[in-house]
Amino acid sequence: MTSAPFRSIASRLRWGVPIVAAAVVASACSSANSVNVQHNKSGGGAGGYHYKIAMVTHGGAGDSFWSIVKAGGVQAGKDMGDDFTYQSNGDPTQQSQLIDAAVNQKPDGLIVSMANPEALKAAIQRAVAAGIPVVTINSGQAQSKAYGALSHFGSDETVAGQAVGTGLKQAGVKSVICVVQEAKDAIETANRTERNANQRSK
């Protein structure tokens, strides 16, 4: 049976992306880029916002976690009548290029994950300078505000590790192995989670 901490994490995963998309739309409504005009007619959902929302993550092809994130964004776009696009690449240099390409399409909002914040700094700041509302997700919380993002949606790895460790301890688990499924630049993030999970599970 799934313990309460894990049910909570699963629930946030399910609902997090639509909430992020809604936040970006709200930002787009008041941004200089959109000036409150529903200028993109490609969206067709009940919301009728018709905004262009781009998401660029560091997820690898076939990654089940990012498949859920992408599906949530696609569904949110349909629900709100937005044109939602998703691109990803685990290589930070290529992810940075994808961000630049997305910015060149002049979206009304940009959602970015930052497993390697320093490598994405310039691209994100270019997006902000272009007047595009940026929201970061999943990773890069410490740098999000400094880079000009409006907000960050994600979990603190230390807190997440402690919560998992507490749940494992309650379940009677004595030793933990953390399997890292991300690109090499996200390993330290995973290691922080693992260290805190191990500490709390003792």
N, C-alpha and C. Protein backbone atom coordinates (compact mmCIF):
# COMPACT_ATOMS: atom_id res chain seq x y z
N MET A 1 0.84 -1.20 0.00
CA MET A 1 0.00 0.00 0.00
C MET A 1 0.88 1.25 0.00
N THR A 2 0.52 2.25 -0.74
CA THR A 2 1.30 3.48 -0.84
C THR A 2 1.10 4.33 0.40
N SER A 3 2.22 4.79 1.01
CA SER A 3 2.12 5.59 2.21
C SER A 3 1.69 7.00 1.87
N ALA A 4 1.27 7.76 2.90
CA ALA A 4 0.73 9.11 2.70
C ALA A 4 1.70 10.05 2.00
N PRO A 5 3.02 10.07 2.38
CA PRO A 5 3.93 11.00 1.68
C PRO A 5 4.00 10.75 0.19
N PHE A 6 3.97 9.47 -0.21
CA PHE A 6 4.08 9.15 -1.63
C PHE A 6 2.79 9.45 -2.38
N ARG A 7 1.64 9.27 -1.72
CA ARG A 7 0.36 9.63 -2.35
C ARG A 7 0.32 11.13 -2.60
N SER A 8 0.87 11.90 -1.64
CA SER A 8 0.89 13.36 -1.78
C SER A 8 1.75 13.77 -2.96
N ILE A 9 2.92 13.14 -3.10
CA ILE A 9 3.81 13.46 -4.22
C ILE A 9 3.15 13.12 -5.54
N ALA A 10 2.49 11.97 -5.61
CA ALA A 10 1.81 11.56 -6.83
C ALA A 10 0.69 12.52 -7.20
N SER A 11 -0.02 13.00 -6.19
CA SER A 11 -1.11 13.94 -6.43
C SER A 11 -0.58 15.25 -6.99
N ARG A 12 0.53 15.73 -6.44
CA ARG A 12 1.11 16.98 -6.94
C ARG A 12 1.60 16.83 -8.37
N LEU A 13 2.13 15.65 -8.68
CA LEU A 13 2.57 15.39 -10.05
C LEU A 13 1.41 15.48 -11.02
N ARG A 14 0.28 14.91 -10.62
CA ARG A 14 -0.89 14.86 -11.50
C ARG A 14 -1.45 16.24 -11.79
N TRP A 15 -1.49 17.08 -10.75
CA TRP A 15 -2.16 18.38 -10.90
C TRP A 15 -1.20 19.54 -11.12
N GLY A 16 0.11 19.31 -10.91
CA GLY A 16 1.06 20.41 -10.96
C GLY A 16 1.15 21.12 -12.29
N VAL A 17 1.24 20.37 -13.38
CA VAL A 17 1.44 20.99 -14.69
C VAL A 17 0.27 21.87 -15.11
N PRO A 18 -1.00 21.43 -14.95
CA PRO A 18 -2.10 22.34 -15.29
C PRO A 18 -2.06 23.62 -14.48
N ILE A 19 -1.63 23.54 -13.20
CA ILE A 19 -1.55 24.73 -12.37
C ILE A 19 -0.46 25.66 -12.89
N VAL A 20 0.69 25.10 -13.27
CA VAL A 20 1.77 25.89 -13.84
C VAL A 20 1.31 26.57 -15.12
N ALA A 21 0.64 25.82 -15.98
CA ALA A 21 0.15 26.38 -17.24
C ALA A 21 -0.81 27.53 -16.98
N ALA A 22 -1.67 27.37 -15.99
CA ALA A 22 -2.61 28.43 -15.64
C ALA A 22 -1.88 29.67 -15.15
N ALA A 23 -0.82 29.46 -14.37
CA ALA A 23 -0.04 30.58 -13.87
C ALA A 23 0.64 31.33 -15.00
N VAL A 24 1.16 30.60 -15.97
CA VAL A 24 1.81 31.24 -17.12
C VAL A 24 0.80 32.02 -17.94
N VAL A 25 -0.38 31.45 -18.11
CA VAL A 25 -1.44 32.16 -18.85
C VAL A 25 -1.80 33.45 -18.15
N ALA A 26 -1.91 33.39 -16.82
CA ALA A 26 -2.24 34.59 -16.06
C ALA A 26 -1.16 35.66 -16.25
N SER A 27 0.08 35.23 -16.27
CA SER A 27 1.18 36.16 -16.50
C SER A 27 1.13 36.72 -17.91
N ALA A 28 0.81 35.86 -18.87
CA ALA A 28 0.75 36.29 -20.26
C ALA A 28 -0.32 37.34 -20.47
N CYS A 29 -1.40 37.23 -19.70
CA CYS A 29 -2.51 38.18 -19.86
C CYS A 29 -2.06 39.61 -19.60
N SER A 30 -1.08 39.78 -18.73
CA SER A 30 -0.66 41.14 -18.38
C SER A 30 0.73 41.48 -18.90
N SER A 31 1.31 40.60 -19.69
CA SER A 31 2.68 40.86 -20.17
C SER A 31 2.68 41.85 -21.34
N ALA A 32 3.85 42.49 -21.50
CA ALA A 32 3.99 43.42 -22.62
C ALA A 32 3.91 42.69 -23.94
N ASN A 33 4.26 41.43 -23.93
CA ASN A 33 4.25 40.63 -25.16
C ASN A 33 2.84 40.40 -25.66
N SER A 34 1.88 40.23 -24.72
CA SER A 34 0.54 39.89 -25.16
C SER A 34 -0.43 41.06 -25.12
N VAL A 35 -0.14 42.05 -24.30
CA VAL A 35 -1.00 43.22 -24.09
C VAL A 35 -2.48 42.88 -24.06
N ASN A 36 -2.80 41.76 -23.38
CA ASN A 36 -4.18 41.36 -23.17
C ASN A 36 -4.98 41.10 -24.43
N VAL A 37 -4.29 40.84 -25.51
CA VAL A 37 -4.97 40.57 -26.77
C VAL A 37 -4.88 39.09 -27.08
N GLN A 38 -6.02 38.45 -27.36
CA GLN A 38 -6.01 37.04 -27.70
C GLN A 38 -5.64 36.90 -29.18
N HIS A 39 -4.30 37.06 -29.43
CA HIS A 39 -3.87 37.18 -30.82
C HIS A 39 -3.55 35.85 -31.48
N ASN A 40 -3.37 34.80 -30.73
CA ASN A 40 -3.06 33.51 -31.34
C ASN A 40 -4.33 32.68 -31.41
N LYS A 41 -4.76 32.31 -32.58
CA LYS A 41 -6.06 31.64 -32.76
C LYS A 41 -5.95 30.13 -32.87
N SER A 42 -4.78 29.58 -32.60
CA SER A 42 -4.61 28.13 -32.80
C SER A 42 -5.24 27.31 -31.69
N GLY A 43 -5.37 27.86 -30.47
CA GLY A 43 -5.99 27.12 -29.38
C GLY A 43 -7.49 27.00 -29.60
N GLY A 44 -8.06 25.89 -29.13
CA GLY A 44 -9.49 25.72 -29.37
C GLY A 44 -10.27 25.16 -28.20
N GLY A 45 -9.68 25.18 -27.00
CA GLY A 45 -10.36 24.62 -25.84
C GLY A 45 -11.42 25.54 -25.29
N ALA A 46 -12.08 25.05 -24.24
CA ALA A 46 -13.19 25.79 -23.66
C ALA A 46 -12.74 27.11 -23.04
N GLY A 47 -11.45 27.15 -22.58
CA GLY A 47 -10.97 28.37 -21.94
C GLY A 47 -10.91 29.54 -22.89
N GLY A 48 -10.58 29.29 -24.14
CA GLY A 48 -10.58 30.33 -25.16
C GLY A 48 -9.50 31.38 -25.00
N TYR A 49 -8.40 31.06 -24.32
CA TYR A 49 -7.36 32.06 -24.13
C TYR A 49 -6.55 32.28 -25.41
N HIS A 50 -6.30 31.21 -26.14
CA HIS A 50 -5.58 31.30 -27.41
C HIS A 50 -4.14 31.82 -27.26
N TYR A 51 -3.49 31.47 -26.17
CA TYR A 51 -2.10 31.88 -25.98
C TYR A 51 -1.15 30.78 -26.43
N LYS A 52 0.06 31.19 -26.80
CA LYS A 52 1.12 30.26 -27.17
C LYS A 52 2.00 30.02 -25.95
N ILE A 53 1.99 28.80 -25.44
CA ILE A 53 2.78 28.44 -24.28
C ILE A 53 3.82 27.41 -24.69
N ALA A 54 5.08 27.69 -24.43
CA ALA A 54 6.16 26.77 -24.78
C ALA A 54 6.77 26.20 -23.51
N MET A 55 7.02 24.90 -23.51
CA MET A 55 7.71 24.25 -22.40
C MET A 55 8.97 23.58 -22.94
N VAL A 56 10.09 23.85 -22.28
CA VAL A 56 11.37 23.25 -22.66
C VAL A 56 12.00 22.63 -21.41
N THR A 57 12.17 21.32 -21.40
CA THR A 57 12.71 20.65 -20.23
C THR A 57 13.98 19.87 -20.56
N HIS A 58 14.58 19.32 -19.51
CA HIS A 58 15.79 18.51 -19.68
C HIS A 58 15.46 17.02 -19.72
N GLY A 59 14.19 16.68 -19.86
CA GLY A 59 13.77 15.28 -19.87
C GLY A 59 14.32 14.52 -21.06
N GLY A 60 14.69 13.27 -20.81
CA GLY A 60 15.18 12.43 -21.89
C GLY A 60 14.04 11.73 -22.62
N ALA A 61 14.30 11.28 -23.82
CA ALA A 61 13.28 10.58 -24.61
C ALA A 61 12.84 9.32 -23.88
N GLY A 62 11.54 9.15 -23.76
CA GLY A 62 11.00 7.95 -23.13
C GLY A 62 10.97 7.98 -21.62
N ASP A 63 11.40 9.08 -21.02
CA ASP A 63 11.38 9.19 -19.56
C ASP A 63 9.94 9.26 -19.08
N SER A 64 9.55 8.33 -18.21
CA SER A 64 8.15 8.25 -17.78
C SER A 64 7.72 9.48 -16.98
N PHE A 65 8.63 10.04 -16.19
CA PHE A 65 8.30 11.24 -15.41
C PHE A 65 7.93 12.39 -16.33
N TRP A 66 8.81 12.66 -17.31
CA TRP A 66 8.56 13.80 -18.20
C TRP A 66 7.44 13.52 -19.18
N SER A 67 7.14 12.26 -19.42
CA SER A 67 5.97 11.94 -20.25
C SER A 67 4.69 12.40 -19.55
N ILE A 68 4.67 12.25 -18.21
CA ILE A 68 3.52 12.72 -17.42
C ILE A 68 3.43 14.24 -17.48
N VAL A 69 4.58 14.89 -17.32
CA VAL A 69 4.61 16.35 -17.37
C VAL A 69 4.11 16.86 -18.73
N LYS A 70 4.63 16.26 -19.79
CA LYS A 70 4.21 16.66 -21.14
C LYS A 70 2.71 16.45 -21.33
N ALA A 71 2.22 15.29 -20.91
CA ALA A 71 0.78 15.00 -21.06
C ALA A 71 -0.06 16.00 -20.29
N GLY A 72 0.39 16.40 -19.10
CA GLY A 72 -0.34 17.40 -18.33
C GLY A 72 -0.38 18.74 -19.02
N GLY A 73 0.75 19.13 -19.64
CA GLY A 73 0.78 20.40 -20.36
C GLY A 73 -0.11 20.38 -21.59
N VAL A 74 -0.08 19.26 -22.32
CA VAL A 74 -0.93 19.12 -23.51
C VAL A 74 -2.40 19.22 -23.12
N GLN A 75 -2.77 18.54 -22.04
CA GLN A 75 -4.17 18.56 -21.61
C GLN A 75 -4.59 19.95 -21.13
N ALA A 76 -3.68 20.61 -20.39
CA ALA A 76 -3.98 21.97 -19.93
C ALA A 76 -4.18 22.91 -21.12
N GLY A 77 -3.36 22.74 -22.16
CA GLY A 77 -3.51 23.56 -23.35
C GLY A 77 -4.86 23.36 -24.01
N LYS A 78 -5.29 22.11 -24.08
CA LYS A 78 -6.61 21.81 -24.66
C LYS A 78 -7.72 22.41 -23.80
N ASP A 79 -7.59 22.25 -22.49
CA ASP A 79 -8.63 22.73 -21.58
C ASP A 79 -8.79 24.24 -21.62
N MET A 80 -7.67 24.94 -21.80
CA MET A 80 -7.70 26.40 -21.75
C MET A 80 -7.68 27.05 -23.13
N GLY A 81 -7.68 26.21 -24.17
CA GLY A 81 -7.72 26.77 -25.52
C GLY A 81 -6.42 27.42 -25.93
N ASP A 82 -5.30 26.85 -25.46
CA ASP A 82 -4.00 27.41 -25.78
C ASP A 82 -3.24 26.52 -26.77
N ASP A 83 -2.26 27.10 -27.42
CA ASP A 83 -1.36 26.37 -28.30
C ASP A 83 -0.13 26.01 -27.46
N PHE A 84 -0.04 24.76 -27.02
CA PHE A 84 1.03 24.31 -26.14
C PHE A 84 2.05 23.48 -26.93
N THR A 85 3.33 23.82 -26.77
CA THR A 85 4.39 23.05 -27.41
C THR A 85 5.36 22.54 -26.35
N TYR A 86 5.89 21.36 -26.58
CA TYR A 86 6.84 20.75 -25.64
C TYR A 86 8.08 20.27 -26.37
N GLN A 87 9.24 20.65 -25.87
CA GLN A 87 10.50 20.17 -26.40
C GLN A 87 11.43 19.85 -25.24
N SER A 88 12.33 18.90 -25.43
CA SER A 88 13.23 18.55 -24.35
C SER A 88 14.55 18.01 -24.88
N ASN A 89 15.58 18.17 -24.06
CA ASN A 89 16.88 17.59 -24.37
C ASN A 89 17.70 17.57 -23.09
N GLY A 90 18.28 16.41 -22.77
CA GLY A 90 19.05 16.28 -21.55
C GLY A 90 20.40 16.96 -21.58
N ASP A 91 20.86 17.33 -22.76
CA ASP A 91 22.12 18.05 -22.88
C ASP A 91 21.85 19.54 -22.65
N PRO A 92 22.49 20.18 -21.65
CA PRO A 92 22.18 21.57 -21.34
C PRO A 92 22.44 22.55 -22.48
N THR A 93 23.47 22.29 -23.28
CA THR A 93 23.74 23.18 -24.41
C THR A 93 22.61 23.12 -25.43
N GLN A 94 22.15 21.91 -25.71
CA GLN A 94 21.05 21.76 -26.65
C GLN A 94 19.73 22.25 -26.07
N GLN A 95 19.54 22.09 -24.76
CA GLN A 95 18.33 22.63 -24.15
C GLN A 95 18.32 24.15 -24.25
N SER A 96 19.49 24.76 -24.06
CA SER A 96 19.60 26.21 -24.20
C SER A 96 19.22 26.65 -25.61
N GLN A 97 19.65 25.89 -26.59
CA GLN A 97 19.31 26.20 -27.98
C GLN A 97 17.81 26.05 -28.23
N LEU A 98 17.21 25.06 -27.60
CA LEU A 98 15.76 24.88 -27.73
C LEU A 98 15.01 26.06 -27.12
N ILE A 99 15.53 26.59 -26.02
CA ILE A 99 14.91 27.76 -25.40
C ILE A 99 14.98 28.95 -26.35
N ASP A 100 16.15 29.17 -26.95
CA ASP A 100 16.30 30.27 -27.90
C ASP A 100 15.35 30.11 -29.08
N ALA A 101 15.22 28.87 -29.56
CA ALA A 101 14.32 28.62 -30.69
C ALA A 101 12.88 28.89 -30.30
N ALA A 102 12.51 28.52 -29.07
CA ALA A 102 11.15 28.78 -28.60
C ALA A 102 10.90 30.28 -28.48
N VAL A 103 11.88 31.01 -27.99
CA VAL A 103 11.75 32.47 -27.84
C VAL A 103 11.58 33.13 -29.20
N ASN A 104 12.26 32.61 -30.21
CA ASN A 104 12.14 33.16 -31.56
C ASN A 104 10.73 33.02 -32.13
N GLN A 105 9.96 32.07 -31.57
CA GLN A 105 8.57 31.89 -32.00
C GLN A 105 7.63 32.85 -31.29
N LYS A 106 8.19 33.67 -30.40
CA LYS A 106 7.42 34.70 -29.68
C LYS A 106 6.23 34.12 -28.91
N PRO A 107 6.47 33.19 -28.00
CA PRO A 107 5.37 32.65 -27.21
C PRO A 107 4.89 33.67 -26.19
N ASP A 108 3.70 33.45 -25.66
CA ASP A 108 3.16 34.33 -24.62
C ASP A 108 3.64 33.91 -23.24
N GLY A 109 4.21 32.73 -23.14
CA GLY A 109 4.74 32.26 -21.88
C GLY A 109 5.70 31.11 -22.11
N LEU A 110 6.71 30.99 -21.24
CA LEU A 110 7.73 29.96 -21.37
C LEU A 110 7.91 29.24 -20.05
N ILE A 111 7.87 27.90 -20.09
CA ILE A 111 8.08 27.06 -18.91
C ILE A 111 9.37 26.28 -19.12
N VAL A 112 10.29 26.37 -18.16
CA VAL A 112 11.61 25.75 -18.32
C VAL A 112 12.02 25.00 -17.06
N SER A 113 12.61 23.81 -17.24
CA SER A 113 13.25 23.11 -16.12
C SER A 113 14.74 23.41 -16.19
N MET A 114 15.39 23.49 -15.03
CA MET A 114 16.80 23.89 -15.02
C MET A 114 17.64 22.90 -14.21
N ALA A 115 17.94 21.74 -14.78
CA ALA A 115 18.81 20.78 -14.12
C ALA A 115 20.24 21.33 -14.08
N ASN A 116 20.58 22.16 -15.07
CA ASN A 116 21.89 22.81 -15.11
C ASN A 116 21.64 24.32 -15.27
N PRO A 117 21.36 25.01 -14.17
CA PRO A 117 20.97 26.43 -14.25
C PRO A 117 21.99 27.32 -14.93
N GLU A 118 23.26 27.14 -14.62
CA GLU A 118 24.28 28.03 -15.17
C GLU A 118 24.32 27.96 -16.70
N ALA A 119 24.14 26.77 -17.25
CA ALA A 119 24.19 26.60 -18.70
C ALA A 119 22.98 27.24 -19.39
N LEU A 120 21.89 27.41 -18.65
CA LEU A 120 20.66 27.97 -19.24
C LEU A 120 20.47 29.45 -18.91
N LYS A 121 21.34 29.98 -18.08
CA LYS A 121 21.16 31.36 -17.59
C LYS A 121 20.97 32.36 -18.72
N ALA A 122 21.88 32.36 -19.68
CA ALA A 122 21.84 33.36 -20.75
C ALA A 122 20.56 33.23 -21.58
N ALA A 123 20.17 32.00 -21.90
CA ALA A 123 18.98 31.78 -22.72
C ALA A 123 17.72 32.24 -21.99
N ILE A 124 17.65 31.96 -20.71
CA ILE A 124 16.48 32.38 -19.93
C ILE A 124 16.44 33.90 -19.81
N GLN A 125 17.57 34.50 -19.58
CA GLN A 125 17.61 35.96 -19.48
C GLN A 125 17.28 36.62 -20.80
N ARG A 126 17.62 35.97 -21.91
CA ARG A 126 17.22 36.51 -23.22
C ARG A 126 15.70 36.46 -23.38
N ALA A 127 15.11 35.40 -22.89
CA ALA A 127 13.65 35.28 -22.95
C ALA A 127 12.98 36.38 -22.13
N VAL A 128 13.51 36.60 -20.93
CA VAL A 128 12.98 37.65 -20.05
C VAL A 128 13.14 39.01 -20.70
N ALA A 129 14.32 39.25 -21.30
CA ALA A 129 14.59 40.53 -21.96
C ALA A 129 13.65 40.77 -23.14
N ALA A 130 13.18 39.66 -23.74
CA ALA A 130 12.26 39.77 -24.87
C ALA A 130 10.82 40.02 -24.41
N GLY A 131 10.62 40.09 -23.10
CA GLY A 131 9.29 40.37 -22.57
C GLY A 131 8.41 39.15 -22.41
N ILE A 132 9.01 37.97 -22.44
CA ILE A 132 8.24 36.73 -22.31
C ILE A 132 8.21 36.29 -20.85
N PRO A 133 7.03 36.10 -20.28
CA PRO A 133 6.95 35.62 -18.90
C PRO A 133 7.54 34.21 -18.81
N VAL A 134 8.46 34.02 -17.88
CA VAL A 134 9.13 32.72 -17.71
C VAL A 134 8.81 32.14 -16.34
N VAL A 135 8.47 30.87 -16.31
CA VAL A 135 8.26 30.13 -15.07
C VAL A 135 9.17 28.91 -15.11
N THR A 136 9.88 28.65 -14.02
CA THR A 136 10.73 27.47 -13.96
C THR A 136 10.04 26.36 -13.18
N ILE A 137 10.37 25.12 -13.53
CA ILE A 137 9.74 23.98 -12.87
C ILE A 137 10.79 22.92 -12.53
N ASN A 138 10.47 22.10 -11.53
CA ASN A 138 11.22 20.89 -11.21
C ASN A 138 12.59 21.13 -10.58
N SER A 139 13.44 21.88 -11.24
CA SER A 139 14.80 22.09 -10.75
C SER A 139 15.24 23.51 -11.04
N GLY A 140 16.22 23.98 -10.25
CA GLY A 140 16.73 25.34 -10.44
C GLY A 140 16.06 26.37 -9.56
N GLN A 141 15.45 25.93 -8.48
CA GLN A 141 14.72 26.85 -7.60
C GLN A 141 15.61 27.98 -7.08
N ALA A 142 16.84 27.65 -6.69
CA ALA A 142 17.73 28.65 -6.09
C ALA A 142 18.09 29.78 -7.06
N GLN A 143 18.10 29.47 -8.36
CA GLN A 143 18.51 30.48 -9.36
C GLN A 143 17.33 31.12 -10.08
N SER A 144 16.15 30.57 -9.93
CA SER A 144 14.99 30.99 -10.71
C SER A 144 14.74 32.50 -10.65
N LYS A 145 14.61 33.03 -9.47
CA LYS A 145 14.31 34.46 -9.31
C LYS A 145 15.43 35.33 -9.84
N ALA A 146 16.67 34.94 -9.57
CA ALA A 146 17.82 35.73 -10.02
C ALA A 146 17.91 35.82 -11.53
N TYR A 147 17.43 34.79 -12.22
CA TYR A 147 17.46 34.78 -13.68
C TYR A 147 16.30 35.55 -14.30
N GLY A 148 15.36 35.98 -13.46
CA GLY A 148 14.24 36.78 -13.96
C GLY A 148 12.93 36.04 -14.10
N ALA A 149 12.89 34.77 -13.69
CA ALA A 149 11.64 34.00 -13.77
C ALA A 149 10.62 34.56 -12.78
N LEU A 150 9.36 34.48 -13.14
CA LEU A 150 8.30 35.00 -12.29
C LEU A 150 8.09 34.13 -11.06
N SER A 151 8.24 32.81 -11.24
CA SER A 151 8.01 31.90 -10.12
C SER A 151 8.63 30.55 -10.43
N HIS A 152 8.74 29.72 -9.39
CA HIS A 152 9.25 28.36 -9.56
C HIS A 152 8.25 27.38 -8.97
N PHE A 153 7.97 26.32 -9.72
CA PHE A 153 7.09 25.26 -9.25
C PHE A 153 7.90 23.97 -9.18
N GLY A 154 8.10 23.48 -7.97
CA GLY A 154 8.89 22.26 -7.81
C GLY A 154 9.15 22.01 -6.35
N SER A 155 9.80 20.91 -6.07
CA SER A 155 10.08 20.55 -4.69
C SER A 155 11.55 20.80 -4.37
N ASP A 156 11.81 21.21 -3.13
CA ASP A 156 13.16 21.36 -2.64
C ASP A 156 13.73 19.95 -2.42
N GLU A 157 14.90 19.66 -3.02
CA GLU A 157 15.43 18.30 -2.95
C GLU A 157 15.72 17.86 -1.53
N THR A 158 16.14 18.81 -0.68
CA THR A 158 16.41 18.47 0.71
C THR A 158 15.12 18.07 1.41
N VAL A 159 14.10 18.89 1.25
CA VAL A 159 12.80 18.60 1.88
C VAL A 159 12.20 17.32 1.31
N ALA A 160 12.32 17.13 -0.02
CA ALA A 160 11.77 15.93 -0.64
C ALA A 160 12.46 14.68 -0.10
N GLY A 161 13.80 14.75 0.01
CA GLY A 161 14.54 13.61 0.52
C GLY A 161 14.16 13.28 1.95
N GLN A 162 13.98 14.32 2.76
CA GLN A 162 13.59 14.11 4.14
C GLN A 162 12.20 13.49 4.25
N ALA A 163 11.28 13.95 3.38
CA ALA A 163 9.92 13.40 3.40
C ALA A 163 9.91 11.94 3.00
N VAL A 164 10.69 11.61 1.96
CA VAL A 164 10.78 10.21 1.53
C VAL A 164 11.42 9.36 2.62
N GLY A 165 12.49 9.90 3.23
CA GLY A 165 13.16 9.16 4.30
C GLY A 165 12.25 8.89 5.48
N THR A 166 11.44 9.89 5.83
CA THR A 166 10.48 9.71 6.92
C THR A 166 9.48 8.61 6.58
N GLY A 167 8.99 8.63 5.34
CA GLY A 167 8.05 7.60 4.91
C GLY A 167 8.67 6.21 4.92
N LEU A 168 9.94 6.11 4.49
CA LEU A 168 10.63 4.83 4.48
C LEU A 168 10.85 4.32 5.91
N LYS A 169 11.19 5.23 6.81
CA LYS A 169 11.40 4.85 8.21
C LYS A 169 10.11 4.31 8.82
N GLN A 170 9.00 4.98 8.51
CA GLN A 170 7.71 4.53 9.01
C GLN A 170 7.36 3.15 8.47
N ALA A 171 7.85 2.88 7.25
CA ALA A 171 7.58 1.57 6.64
C ALA A 171 8.57 0.51 7.10
N GLY A 172 9.53 0.90 7.94
CA GLY A 172 10.49 -0.07 8.47
C GLY A 172 11.70 -0.32 7.59
N VAL A 173 11.93 0.53 6.59
CA VAL A 173 13.07 0.36 5.69
C VAL A 173 14.34 0.86 6.37
N LYS A 174 15.42 0.09 6.29
CA LYS A 174 16.67 0.43 6.96
C LYS A 174 17.75 0.95 6.01
N SER A 175 17.70 0.58 4.76
CA SER A 175 18.72 1.00 3.80
C SER A 175 18.06 1.40 2.50
N VAL A 176 18.59 2.45 1.84
CA VAL A 176 17.96 3.01 0.65
C VAL A 176 18.95 3.06 -0.51
N ILE A 177 18.50 2.67 -1.67
CA ILE A 177 19.27 2.84 -2.91
C ILE A 177 18.49 3.79 -3.80
N CYS A 178 19.14 4.85 -4.28
CA CYS A 178 18.50 5.83 -5.15
C CYS A 178 18.95 5.60 -6.58
N VAL A 179 18.03 5.31 -7.46
CA VAL A 179 18.34 5.09 -8.88
C VAL A 179 18.18 6.41 -9.63
N VAL A 180 19.26 6.89 -10.22
CA VAL A 180 19.25 8.17 -10.93
C VAL A 180 18.88 7.93 -12.39
N GLN A 181 17.80 8.57 -12.85
CA GLN A 181 17.36 8.37 -14.23
C GLN A 181 17.61 9.59 -15.09
N GLU A 182 18.15 10.67 -14.49
CA GLU A 182 18.35 11.91 -15.24
C GLU A 182 19.72 11.97 -15.90
N ALA A 183 19.93 13.03 -16.66
CA ALA A 183 21.23 13.27 -17.28
C ALA A 183 22.26 13.58 -16.20
N LYS A 184 23.54 13.52 -16.57
CA LYS A 184 24.62 13.68 -15.60
C LYS A 184 24.55 14.99 -14.83
N ASP A 185 24.03 16.05 -15.43
CA ASP A 185 23.98 17.34 -14.76
C ASP A 185 22.95 17.38 -13.64
N ALA A 186 22.06 16.38 -13.59
CA ALA A 186 21.06 16.33 -12.52
C ALA A 186 21.46 15.37 -11.41
N ILE A 187 22.63 14.75 -11.53
CA ILE A 187 23.03 13.74 -10.55
C ILE A 187 23.20 14.33 -9.16
N GLU A 188 23.78 15.54 -9.06
CA GLU A 188 23.97 16.14 -7.74
C GLU A 188 22.64 16.43 -7.07
N THR A 189 21.65 16.83 -7.87
CA THR A 189 20.31 17.03 -7.33
C THR A 189 19.77 15.73 -6.76
N ALA A 190 19.92 14.65 -7.51
CA ALA A 190 19.46 13.34 -7.04
C ALA A 190 20.25 12.90 -5.82
N ASN A 191 21.55 13.20 -5.80
CA ASN A 191 22.37 12.81 -4.66
C ASN A 191 21.93 13.51 -3.38
N ARG A 192 21.54 14.79 -3.49
CA ARG A 192 21.06 15.51 -2.32
C ARG A 192 19.80 14.85 -1.78
N THR A 193 18.91 14.46 -2.69
CA THR A 193 17.69 13.78 -2.28
C THR A 193 18.01 12.47 -1.58
N GLU A 194 18.94 11.72 -2.17
CA GLU A 194 19.31 10.42 -1.60
C GLU A 194 19.92 10.56 -0.22
N ARG A 195 20.84 11.55 -0.07
CA ARG A 195 21.49 11.74 1.22
C ARG A 195 20.48 12.04 2.32
N ASN A 196 19.53 12.91 2.00
CA ASN A 196 18.52 13.28 3.00
C ASN A 196 17.55 12.14 3.27
N ALA A 197 17.25 11.34 2.24
CA ALA A 197 16.38 10.19 2.45
C ALA A 197 17.06 9.18 3.37
N ASN A 198 18.33 8.95 3.15
CA ASN A 198 19.08 8.00 3.98
C ASN A 198 19.17 8.49 5.43
N GLN A 199 19.39 9.79 5.61
CA GLN A 199 19.50 10.33 6.95
C GLN A 199 18.19 10.17 7.73
N ARG A 200 17.08 10.43 7.07
CA ARG A 200 15.79 10.34 7.74
C ARG A 200 15.33 8.91 7.94
N SER A 201 15.82 7.99 7.12
CA SER A 201 15.36 6.60 7.24
C SER A 201 16.10 5.82 8.30
N LYS A 202 17.15 6.42 8.89
CA LYS A 202 17.92 5.72 9.93
C LYS A 202 17.24 5.82 11.29
